[in-house]
C-alpha atoms as a PDB file:
ATOM      1  CA  MET A   1      42.661 -54.178 -57.823  1.00  0.00           C
ATOM      2  CA  ARG A   2      42.738 -50.429 -57.544  1.00  0.00           C
ATOM      3  CA  GLU A   3      39.432 -50.254 -59.358  1.00  0.00           C
ATOM      4  CA  GLU A   4      37.846 -52.597 -56.774  1.00  0.00           C
ATOM      5  CA  GLU A   5      39.135 -50.423 -53.914  1.00  0.00           C
ATOM      6  CA  ASN A   6      37.696 -47.309 -55.572  1.00  0.00           C
ATOM      7  CA  ASN A   7      34.338 -49.037 -55.960  1.00  0.00           C
ATOM      8  CA  ARG A   8      34.364 -50.041 -52.272  1.00  0.00           C
ATOM      9  CA  SER A   9      35.264 -46.464 -51.260  1.00  0.00           C
ATOM     10  CA  SER A  10      32.447 -45.040 -53.373  1.00  0.00           C
ATOM     11  CA  LYS A  11      29.968 -47.511 -51.886  1.00  0.00           C
ATOM     12  CA  SER A  12      31.080 -46.550 -48.353  1.00  0.00           C
ATOM     13  CA  GLU A  13      30.619 -42.852 -49.042  1.00  0.00           C
ATOM     14  CA  LEU A  14      27.175 -43.507 -50.443  1.00  0.00           C
ATOM     15  CA  LYS A  15      26.239 -45.466 -47.320  1.00  0.00           C
ATOM     16  CA  VAL A  16      27.483 -42.651 -45.049  1.00  0.00           C
ATOM     17  CA  LYS A  17      25.587 -40.013 -46.995  1.00  0.00           C
ATOM     18  CA  SER A  18      22.474 -42.157 -46.983  1.00  0.00           C
ATOM     19  CA  LEU A  19      22.825 -42.679 -43.244  1.00  0.00           C
ATOM     20  CA  LEU A  20      23.269 -38.961 -42.570  1.00  0.00           C
ATOM     21  CA  ARG A  21      20.048 -38.205 -44.405  1.00  0.00           C
ATOM     22  CA  LYS A  22      18.083 -40.012 -41.701  1.00  0.00           C
ATOM     23  CA  ARG A  23      16.747 -37.612 -39.004  1.00  0.00           C
ATOM     24  CA  TRP A  24      17.681 -39.727 -36.012  1.00  0.00           C
ATOM     25  CA  VAL A  25      21.351 -40.066 -36.897  1.00  0.00           C
ATOM     26  CA  LEU A  26      22.690 -36.612 -35.900  1.00  0.00           C
ATOM     27  CA  PRO A  27      20.860 -36.479 -32.509  1.00  0.00           C
ATOM     28  CA  ALA A  28      22.181 -39.960 -31.792  1.00  0.00           C
ATOM     29  CA  VAL A  29      25.708 -38.814 -32.578  1.00  0.00           C
ATOM     30  CA  TYR A  30      25.352 -35.823 -30.253  1.00  0.00           C
ATOM     31  CA  LEU A  31      24.045 -38.042 -27.432  1.00  0.00           C
ATOM     32  CA  VAL A  32      26.937 -40.468 -27.824  1.00  0.00           C
ATOM     33  CA  ALA A  33      29.410 -37.567 -27.767  1.00  0.00           C
ATOM     34  CA  ALA A  34      27.782 -36.088 -24.657  1.00  0.00           C
ATOM     35  CA  ALA A  35      27.880 -39.441 -22.903  1.00  0.00           C
ATOM     36  CA  GLY A  36      31.547 -39.695 -23.733  1.00  0.00           C
ATOM     37  CA  VAL A  37      32.277 -36.282 -22.226  1.00  0.00           C
ATOM     38  CA  LEU A  38      30.403 -37.133 -19.010  1.00  0.00           C
ATOM     39  CA  SER A  39      32.210 -40.422 -18.735  1.00  0.00           C
ATOM     40  CA  ALA A  40      35.535 -38.629 -19.082  1.00  0.00           C
ATOM     41  CA  VAL A  41      34.555 -36.210 -16.284  1.00  0.00           C
ATOM     42  CA  PHE A  42      33.660 -39.048 -13.887  1.00  0.00           C
ATOM     43  CA  VAL A  43      36.888 -40.839 -14.729  1.00  0.00           C
ATOM     44  CA  MET A  44      38.937 -37.703 -14.035  1.00  0.00           C
ATOM     45  CA  GLN A  45      37.167 -37.322 -10.655  1.00  0.00           C
ATOM     46  CA  ASP A  46      38.148 -40.925  -9.957  1.00  0.00           C
ATOM     47  CA  GLY A  47      34.882 -41.541  -8.156  1.00  0.00           C
ATOM     48  CA  ASN A  48      35.645 -38.853  -5.558  1.00  0.00           C
ATOM     49  CA  GLU A  49      32.538 -36.763  -4.782  1.00  0.00           C
ATOM     50  CA  THR A  50      34.459 -33.537  -4.264  1.00  0.00           C
ATOM     51  CA  ALA A  51      31.620 -31.492  -5.737  1.00  0.00           C
ATOM     52  CA  ALA A  52      29.116 -32.744  -3.160  1.00  0.00           C
ATOM     53  CA  PRO A  53      28.702 -30.861   0.145  1.00  0.00           C
ATOM     54  CA  GLN A  54      30.680 -32.171   3.091  1.00  0.00           C
ATOM     55  CA  GLU A  55      28.949 -34.242   5.727  1.00  0.00           C
ATOM     56  CA  GLY A  56      27.072 -32.123   8.264  1.00  0.00           C
ATOM     57  CA  VAL A  57      26.723 -29.132   5.938  1.00  0.00           C
ATOM     58  CA  GLU A  58      23.110 -28.094   5.509  1.00  0.00           C
ATOM     59  CA  VAL A  59      22.015 -27.250   1.998  1.00  0.00           C
ATOM     60  CA  THR A  60      19.291 -24.605   1.699  1.00  0.00           C
ATOM     61  CA  ASP A  61      17.298 -23.753  -1.387  1.00  0.00           C
ATOM     62  CA  PRO A  62      17.612 -19.939  -1.803  1.00  0.00           C
ATOM     63  CA  SER A  63      14.091 -19.785  -3.178  1.00  0.00           C
ATOM     64  CA  GLN A  64      12.775 -21.314   0.048  1.00  0.00           C
ATOM     65  CA  ALA A  65      14.834 -19.189   2.440  1.00  0.00           C
ATOM     66  CA  GLY A  66      12.376 -17.472   4.758  1.00  0.00           C
ATOM     67  CA  GLU A  67      14.427 -15.332   7.111  1.00  0.00           C
ATOM     68  CA  MET A  68      17.801 -14.438   5.639  1.00  0.00           C
ATOM     69  CA  ASN A  69      19.113 -14.038   2.128  1.00  0.00           C
ATOM     70  CA  PRO A  70      22.692 -14.911   1.056  1.00  0.00           C
ATOM     71  CA  TYR A  71      23.825 -11.389   1.987  1.00  0.00           C
ATOM     72  CA  GLY A  72      22.721 -11.743   5.599  1.00  0.00           C
ATOM     73  CA  GLU A  73      19.755  -9.404   5.253  1.00  0.00           C
ATOM     74  CA  GLU A  74      16.181 -10.157   6.141  1.00  0.00           C
ATOM     75  CA  ALA A  75      14.030 -11.117   3.203  1.00  0.00           C
ATOM     76  CA  VAL A  76      11.281  -8.567   2.604  1.00  0.00           C
ATOM     77  CA  GLU A  77       7.998  -9.673   1.129  1.00  0.00           C
ATOM     78  CA  VAL A  78       7.069  -7.696  -1.949  1.00  0.00           C
ATOM     79  CA  THR A  79       3.547  -6.316  -1.503  1.00  0.00           C
ATOM     80  CA  ALA A  80       1.125  -5.102  -4.083  1.00  0.00           C
ATOM     81  CA  SER A  81       1.412  -1.468  -5.136  1.00  0.00           C
ATOM     82  CA  SER A  82      -0.547   1.085  -3.110  1.00  0.00           C
ATOM     83  CA  GLU A  83      -3.997   2.130  -4.206  1.00  0.00           C
ATOM     84  CA  VAL A  84      -4.329   5.125  -6.461  1.00  0.00           C
ATOM     85  CA  VAL A  85      -6.602   7.902  -5.153  1.00  0.00           C
ATOM     86  CA  LYS A  86      -9.838   8.046  -7.182  1.00  0.00           C
ATOM     87  CA  MET A  87     -12.475  10.747  -7.486  1.00  0.00           C
ATOM     88  CA  PRO A  88     -15.392  10.071  -5.077  1.00  0.00           C
ATOM     89  CA  VAL A  89     -17.911   9.503  -7.880  1.00  0.00           C
ATOM     90  CA  VAL A  90     -19.108   6.648 -10.068  1.00  0.00           C
ATOM     91  CA  ASN A  91     -18.890   8.365 -13.445  1.00  0.00           C
ATOM     92  CA  GLU A  92     -16.391  11.228 -13.693  1.00  0.00           C
ATOM     93  CA  GLU A  93     -17.733  12.328 -17.085  1.00  0.00           C
ATOM     94  CA  GLU A  94     -21.083  13.297 -15.510  1.00  0.00           C
ATOM     95  CA  ILE A  95     -19.469  15.396 -12.763  1.00  0.00           C
ATOM     96  CA  THR A  96     -18.351  19.016 -12.692  1.00  0.00           C
ATOM     97  CA  VAL A  97     -16.294  20.901 -10.102  1.00  0.00           C
ATOM     98  CA  VAL A  98     -18.220  23.635  -8.266  1.00  0.00           C
ATOM     99  CA  GLY A  99     -15.691  24.312  -5.519  1.00  0.00           C
ATOM    100  CA  TYR A 100     -11.897  24.342  -5.521  1.00  0.00           C
ATOM    101  CA  PHE A 101      -9.253  23.849  -2.829  1.00  0.00           C
ATOM    102  CA  TYR A 102      -7.871  27.093  -1.413  1.00  0.00           C
ATOM    103  CA  ASP A 103      -4.195  27.249  -2.441  1.00  0.00           C
ATOM    104  CA  VAL A 104      -2.100  29.716  -0.442  1.00  0.00           C
ATOM    105  CA  ASN A 105       0.172  30.029  -3.477  1.00  0.00           C
ATOM    106  CA  GLY A 106      -2.652  30.483  -5.960  1.00  0.00           C
ATOM    107  CA  SER A 107      -3.452  33.676  -7.849  1.00  0.00           C
ATOM    108  CA  PRO A 108      -5.951  36.137  -6.317  1.00  0.00           C
ATOM    109  CA  GLU A 109      -8.550  34.971  -8.840  1.00  0.00           C
ATOM    110  CA  GLU A 110      -8.015  31.303  -7.951  1.00  0.00           C
ATOM    111  CA  GLN A 111      -8.169  32.049  -4.237  1.00  0.00           C
ATOM    112  CA  GLN A 112     -11.394  34.000  -4.671  1.00  0.00           C
ATOM    113  CA  GLU A 113     -13.003  31.019  -6.426  1.00  0.00           C
ATOM    114  CA  ALA A 114     -11.921  28.808  -3.518  1.00  0.00           C
ATOM    115  CA  LEU A 115     -13.790  30.762  -0.839  1.00  0.00           C
ATOM    116  CA  VAL A 116     -17.035  29.608   0.768  1.00  0.00           C
ATOM    117  CA  TYR A 117     -19.465  32.303   1.852  1.00  0.00           C
ATOM    118  CA  TYR A 118     -21.308  31.472   5.067  1.00  0.00           C
ATOM    119  CA  ASN A 119     -22.855  33.655   7.776  1.00  0.00           C
ATOM    120  CA  ASN A 120     -21.562  36.881   6.197  1.00  0.00           C
ATOM    121  CA  THR A 121     -18.000  35.512   6.240  1.00  0.00           C
ATOM    122  CA  TYR A 122     -15.690  33.995   3.624  1.00  0.00           C
ATOM    123  CA  PHE A 123     -13.873  30.781   4.519  1.00  0.00           C
ATOM    124  CA  PRO A 124     -11.087  29.020   2.575  1.00  0.00           C
ATOM    125  CA  ASN A 125     -12.245  25.741   1.053  1.00  0.00           C
ATOM    126  CA  LYS A 126     -10.247  22.812   2.488  1.00  0.00           C
ATOM    127  CA  GLY A 127     -11.420  20.371  -0.179  1.00  0.00           C
ATOM    128  CA  MET A 128     -13.244  20.181  -3.500  1.00  0.00           C
ATOM    129  CA  ASP A 129     -16.953  20.230  -4.297  1.00  0.00           C
ATOM    130  CA  PHE A 130     -18.471  18.057  -7.021  1.00  0.00           C
ATOM    131  CA  ALA A 131     -21.909  18.323  -8.631  1.00  0.00           C
ATOM    132  CA  HIS A 132     -23.753  16.542 -11.429  1.00  0.00           C
ATOM    133  CA  VAL A 133     -23.697  18.373 -14.768  1.00  0.00           C
ATOM    134  CA  ASP A 134     -27.513  18.320 -14.755  1.00  0.00           C
ATOM    135  CA  GLY A 135     -27.807  19.449 -11.138  1.00  0.00           C
ATOM    136  CA  GLU A 136     -29.187  16.054 -10.086  1.00  0.00           C
ATOM    137  CA  SER A 137     -28.195  13.944  -7.133  1.00  0.00           C
ATOM    138  CA  PHE A 138     -25.576  11.236  -7.640  1.00  0.00           C
ATOM    139  CA  GLU A 139     -23.807   8.481  -5.717  1.00  0.00           C
ATOM    140  CA  ALA A 140     -20.704   9.353  -3.711  1.00  0.00           C
ATOM    141  CA  THR A 141     -18.060   6.623  -3.561  1.00  0.00           C
ATOM    142  CA  ALA A 142     -15.002   5.811  -1.445  1.00  0.00           C
ATOM    143  CA  ALA A 143     -11.860   7.297  -2.982  1.00  0.00           C
ATOM    144  CA  LEU A 144      -9.769   4.649  -1.204  1.00  0.00           C
ATOM    145  CA  SER A 145     -10.330   1.425   0.697  1.00  0.00           C
ATOM    146  CA  GLY A 146     -10.449   1.812   4.460  1.00  0.00           C
ATOM    147  CA  THR A 147     -12.474   1.802   7.682  1.00  0.00           C
ATOM    148  CA  VAL A 148     -15.407   4.124   8.381  1.00  0.00           C
ATOM    149  CA  ILE A 149     -14.634   6.143  11.504  1.00  0.00           C
ATOM    150  CA  LYS A 150     -17.592   8.547  11.270  1.00  0.00           C
ATOM    151  CA  SER A 151     -21.058   8.336   9.720  1.00  0.00           C
ATOM    152  CA  GLU A 152     -23.510  10.845  11.114  1.00  0.00           C
ATOM    153  CA  LYS A 153     -25.728  13.800  10.309  1.00  0.00           C
ATOM    154  CA  ASP A 154     -24.378  17.284  10.954  1.00  0.00           C
ATOM    155  CA  SER A 155     -26.782  20.224  11.204  1.00  0.00           C
ATOM    156  CA  LEU A 156     -24.429  22.419   9.180  1.00  0.00           C
ATOM    157  CA  LEU A 157     -22.644  20.035   6.802  1.00  0.00           C
ATOM    158  CA  GLY A 158     -25.363  17.456   6.091  1.00  0.00           C
ATOM    159  CA  TYR A 159     -24.566  13.765   6.432  1.00  0.00           C
ATOM    160  CA  VAL A 160     -20.828  13.278   6.967  1.00  0.00           C
ATOM    161  CA  VAL A 161     -18.690  10.189   6.354  1.00  0.00           C
ATOM    162  CA  GLU A 162     -15.025   9.882   7.277  1.00  0.00           C
ATOM    163  CA  ILE A 163     -12.835   6.932   6.281  1.00  0.00           C
ATOM    164  CA  SER A 164      -9.447   6.090   7.781  1.00  0.00           C
ATOM    165  CA  HIS A 165      -6.661   4.730   5.588  1.00  0.00           C
ATOM    166  CA  GLU A 166      -2.993   3.852   6.008  1.00  0.00           C
ATOM    167  CA  ASP A 167      -0.268   6.315   7.085  1.00  0.00           C
ATOM    168  CA  GLY A 168      -2.676   8.658   8.879  1.00  0.00           C
ATOM    169  CA  VAL A 169      -4.689   9.471   5.758  1.00  0.00           C
ATOM    170  CA  VAL A 170      -8.408  10.243   6.263  1.00  0.00           C
ATOM    171  CA  THR A 171     -10.919  11.065   3.527  1.00  0.00           C
ATOM    172  CA  HIS A 172     -13.968  13.250   4.298  1.00  0.00           C
ATOM    173  CA  TYR A 173     -17.314  13.291   2.484  1.00  0.00           C
ATOM    174  CA  HIS A 174     -19.782  16.072   3.381  1.00  0.00           C
ATOM    175  CA  SER A 175     -23.151  17.326   2.108  1.00  0.00           C
ATOM    176  CA  LEU A 176     -24.636  13.847   1.734  1.00  0.00           C
ATOM    177  CA  GLU A 177     -28.401  13.502   1.588  1.00  0.00           C
ATOM    178  CA  SER A 178     -28.236   9.936   2.890  1.00  0.00           C
ATOM    179  CA  VAL A 179     -25.598   7.359   3.826  1.00  0.00           C
ATOM    180  CA  GLU A 180     -25.148   3.654   3.122  1.00  0.00           C
ATOM    181  CA  VAL A 181     -22.372   2.898   5.624  1.00  0.00           C
ATOM    182  CA  GLU A 182     -21.979   2.828   9.390  1.00  0.00           C
ATOM    183  CA  GLU A 183     -19.100   3.535  11.731  1.00  0.00           C
ATOM    184  CA  GLY A 184     -16.787   0.518  11.902  1.00  0.00           C
ATOM    185  CA  ASP A 185     -17.581  -0.723   8.376  1.00  0.00           C
ATOM    186  CA  THR A 186     -14.711  -1.784   6.144  1.00  0.00           C
ATOM    187  CA  VAL A 187     -15.236  -0.441   2.635  1.00  0.00           C
ATOM    188  CA  GLU A 188     -13.489  -1.100  -0.645  1.00  0.00           C
ATOM    189  CA  GLN A 189     -12.461   1.604  -3.076  1.00  0.00           C
ATOM    190  CA  GLY A 190     -15.464   2.611  -5.168  1.00  0.00           C
ATOM    191  CA  ALA A 191     -18.030   1.471  -2.582  1.00  0.00           C
ATOM    192  CA  ILE A 192     -21.217   3.565  -2.462  1.00  0.00           C
ATOM    193  CA  LEU A 193     -21.247   5.821   0.610  1.00  0.00           C
ATOM    194  CA  GLY A 194     -24.465   7.760   0.013  1.00  0.00           C
ATOM    195  CA  LEU A 195     -26.229  10.289  -2.172  1.00  0.00           C
ATOM    196  CA  ALA A 196     -25.182  13.876  -2.859  1.00  0.00           C
ATOM    197  CA  GLY A 197     -27.354  16.532  -1.256  1.00  0.00           C
ATOM    198  CA  ARG A 198     -27.457  20.101   0.000  1.00  0.00           C
ATOM    199  CA  ASN A 199     -26.073  21.630   3.189  1.00  0.00           C
ATOM    200  CA  SER A 200     -26.333  24.923   5.042  1.00  0.00           C
ATOM    201  CA  TYR A 201     -22.612  25.693   5.038  1.00  0.00           C
ATOM    202  CA  ASN A 202     -22.198  25.899   1.259  1.00  0.00           C
ATOM    203  CA  SER A 203     -25.704  26.457  -0.034  1.00  0.00           C
ATOM    204  CA  ASP A 204     -24.404  28.197  -3.167  1.00  0.00           C
ATOM    205  CA  ALA A 205     -23.006  24.870  -4.422  1.00  0.00           C
ATOM    206  CA  GLY A 206     -26.497  23.338  -4.629  1.00  0.00           C
ATOM    207  CA  ILE A 207     -26.654  19.532  -4.692  1.00  0.00           C
ATOM    208  CA  HIS A 208     -23.051  18.469  -4.309  1.00  0.00           C
ATOM    209  CA  VAL A 209     -20.506  16.351  -2.456  1.00  0.00           C
ATOM    210  CA  HIS A 210     -17.708  18.018  -0.550  1.00  0.00           C
ATOM    211  CA  PHE A 211     -14.526  15.909  -0.560  1.00  0.00           C
ATOM    212  CA  GLU A 212     -11.419  16.355   1.558  1.00  0.00           C
ATOM    213  CA  ILE A 213      -8.278  14.294   1.998  1.00  0.00           C
ATOM    214  CA  ARG A 214      -6.115  14.878   5.040  1.00  0.00           C
ATOM    215  CA  GLN A 215      -2.862  13.429   6.332  1.00  0.00           C
ATOM    216  CA  ASN A 216      -2.584  13.677  10.117  1.00  0.00           C
ATOM    217  CA  GLY A 217      -5.066  16.550  10.016  1.00  0.00           C
ATOM    218  CA  VAL A 218      -3.372  18.502   7.222  1.00  0.00           C
ATOM    219  CA  ALA A 219      -5.768  19.162   4.331  1.00  0.00           C
ATOM    220  CA  VAL A 220      -4.280  18.254   0.932  1.00  0.00           C
ATOM    221  CA  ASN A 221      -5.430  19.566  -2.428  1.00  0.00           C
ATOM    222  CA  PRO A 222      -7.361  16.610  -3.885  1.00  0.00           C
ATOM    223  CA  ASN A 223      -6.361  17.669  -7.395  1.00  0.00           C
ATOM    224  CA  ASP A 224      -2.722  16.995  -6.472  1.00  0.00           C
ATOM    225  CA  VAL A 225      -3.370  13.406  -5.391  1.00  0.00           C
ATOM    226  CA  PHE A 226      -6.009  12.118  -7.789  1.00  0.00           C
ATOM    227  CA  GLN A 227      -4.532   9.237  -9.812  1.00  0.00           C
ATOM    228  CA  GLN A 228      -1.537   9.197  -7.434  1.00  0.00           C
ATOM    229  CA  PRO A 229      -0.617   6.417  -4.960  1.00  0.00           C
ATOM    230  CA  ILE A 230      -1.728   6.985  -1.392  1.00  0.00           C
ATOM    231  CA  ASP A 231       1.956   7.068  -0.414  1.00  0.00           C
ATOM    232  CA  SER A 232       2.303  10.432  -2.174  1.00  0.00           C
ATOM    233  CA  VAL A 233      -0.240  12.103   0.135  1.00  0.00           C
ATOM    234  CA  LYS A 234       2.242  12.437   3.003  1.00  0.00           C
ATOM    235  CA  ASP A 235       4.863  14.219   0.891  1.00  0.00           C
ATOM    236  CA  ILE A 236       2.302  16.636  -0.504  1.00  0.00           C
ATOM    237  CA  ALA A 237       0.849  17.274   2.967  1.00  0.00           C
ATOM    238  CA  ASP A 238       4.310  18.077   4.319  1.00  0.00           C
ATOM    239  CA  ASP A 239       4.954  20.539   1.482  1.00  0.00           C
ATOM    240  CA  GLN A 240       1.573  22.221   1.923  1.00  0.00           C
ATOM    241  CA  ALA A 241       2.024  22.512   5.683  1.00  0.00           C
ATOM    242  CA  LYS A 242       5.345  24.287   5.132  1.00  0.00           C
ATOM    243  CA  GLU A 243       3.783  26.659   2.623  1.00  0.00           C
ATOM    244  CA  GLU A 244       0.835  27.450   4.904  1.00  0.00           C
ATOM    245  CA  ASP A 245       3.187  28.173   7.816  1.00  0.00           C
ATOM    246  CA  LYS A 246       5.339  30.357   5.618  1.00  0.00           C
ATOM    247  CA  LYS A 247       2.513  32.363   4.031  1.00  0.00           C
ATOM    248  CA  PRO A 248       1.018  33.919   7.225  1.00  0.00           C
ATOM    249  CA  ALA A 249       4.485  34.996   8.338  1.00  0.00           C
ATOM    250  CA  GLU A 250       5.063  36.757   5.011  1.00  0.00           C
ATOM    251  CA  ASP A 251       1.617  38.398   5.143  1.00  0.00           C
ATOM    252  CA  GLU A 252       2.174  39.652   8.682  1.00  0.00           C
ATOM    253  CA  GLU A 253       5.518  41.099   7.692  1.00  0.00           C
ATOM    254  CA  GLU A 254       3.992  42.912   4.703  1.00  0.00           C
ATOM    255  CA  GLU A 255       1.109  44.266   6.812  1.00  0.00           C
ATOM    256  CA  GLY A 256       3.517  45.411   9.460  1.00  0.00           C
ATOM    257  CA  GLN A 257       5.561  47.330   6.920  1.00  0.00           C
ATOM    258  CA  GLU A 258       2.448  48.945   5.421  1.00  0.00           C
ATOM    259  CA  ASP A 259       1.088  49.988   8.821  1.00  0.00           C
ATOM    260  CA  GLY A 260       4.451  51.171  10.059  1.00  0.00           C
ATOM    261  CA  VAL A 261       4.631  48.419  12.666  1.00  0.00           C
ATOM    262  CA  THR A 262       8.132  47.178  13.446  1.00  0.00           C
ATOM    263  CA  ASP A 263       9.153  43.697  14.570  1.00  0.00           C
ATOM    264  CA  ASP A 264       9.767  45.045  18.075  1.00  0.00           C
ATOM    265  CA  GLU A 265       6.135  46.129  18.516  1.00  0.00           C
ATOM    266  CA  GLU A 266       3.749  43.533  19.938  1.00  0.00           C
ATOM    267  CA  ALA A 267       0.032  43.064  19.336  1.00  0.00           C
ATOM    268  CA  THR A 268      -2.329  43.913  22.162  1.00  0.00           C
ATOM    269  CA  PRO A 269      -4.048  41.055  24.090  1.00  0.00           C
ATOM    270  CA  ASP A 270      -7.380  41.931  22.468  1.00  0.00           C
ATOM    271  CA  GLU A 271      -5.909  41.644  18.968  1.00  0.00           C
ATOM    272  CA  GLU A 272      -4.350  38.273  19.795  1.00  0.00           C
ATOM    273  CA  ASN A 273      -7.656  36.918  21.116  1.00  0.00           C
ATOM    274  CA  ASP A 274      -9.512  38.096  18.007  1.00  0.00           C
ATOM    275  CA  GLU A 275      -7.010  36.313  15.739  1.00  0.00           C
ATOM    276  CA  GLU A 276      -7.232  33.062  17.742  1.00  0.00           C
ATOM    277  CA  GLU A 277     -11.038  33.031  17.592  1.00  0.00           C
ATOM    278  CA  GLU A 278     -11.007  33.690  13.855  1.00  0.00           C
ATOM    279  CA  HIS A 279      -8.528  30.839  13.180  1.00  0.00           C
ATOM    280  CA  GLU A 280     -10.562  28.448  15.329  1.00  0.00           C
ATOM    281  CA  GLY A 281     -13.703  29.266  13.379  1.00  0.00           C
ATOM    282  CA  LEU A 282     -11.951  28.706  10.057  1.00  0.00           C
ATOM    283  CA  SER A 283     -10.552  25.341  11.139  1.00  0.00           C
ATOM    284  CA  GLU A 284     -13.915  24.084  12.336  1.00  0.00           C
ATOM    285  CA  LEU A 285     -15.796  25.104   9.186  1.00  0.00           C
ATOM    286  CA  GLY A 286     -12.914  24.351   6.830  1.00  0.00           C
END
């Protein structure tokens, strides 16, 4: 009798092991167990839909919320990152710098290299000048996307193009031999503006393109903003404006001490007029 029971037990174990070897058995067991758990949950709730929202309560999908987020703040659309300022040329490897921005904090040697000689006078360069390594003409391109606000020929500077961008930023392109854009055109970054040429103001630079970038009229060193987002131009312009305002005051104080002039002494009307005319000339040609 006991032997028969042992045989039955062995046969049952063999059947269970054989059953477990089949791939569909374990998933089926898990599904049955899961169904049992869900059934127990519904039974415990006793058919009461306490988890459902009460009648009259509006349910909003947070991903579709247009005006307010769960914290009561307005949802702000995430925009694409600002453009990065590019050099105004097609192929940077073929271009060399022939004129540098005049830095008020630069060394005397650097400042001397950043002067433009015109009409027996030296003027500080308010931008950078680019030329082809072979001295040939080349295509000037838009450093940023924007709207053309000036496209005309200047008797002193050659053809001039100015492009307006966001946050009061304007890029200037001088010494062009010809232009491909008109006032009011919308241009994309890298668009051809014209060909490099010569001008009377900076004849020593030969065939070149003069490039400036300004923020609300303040000239910024292009080298400081190349490969930087346009948003950085304002911060750099603010810093440069502070430095430029600070430098003349320091120079005047040093000159006054050397000449024996005290702070109480005032300049004569003629001296003041001469200084104003000189600064006006520099700003126009710079």
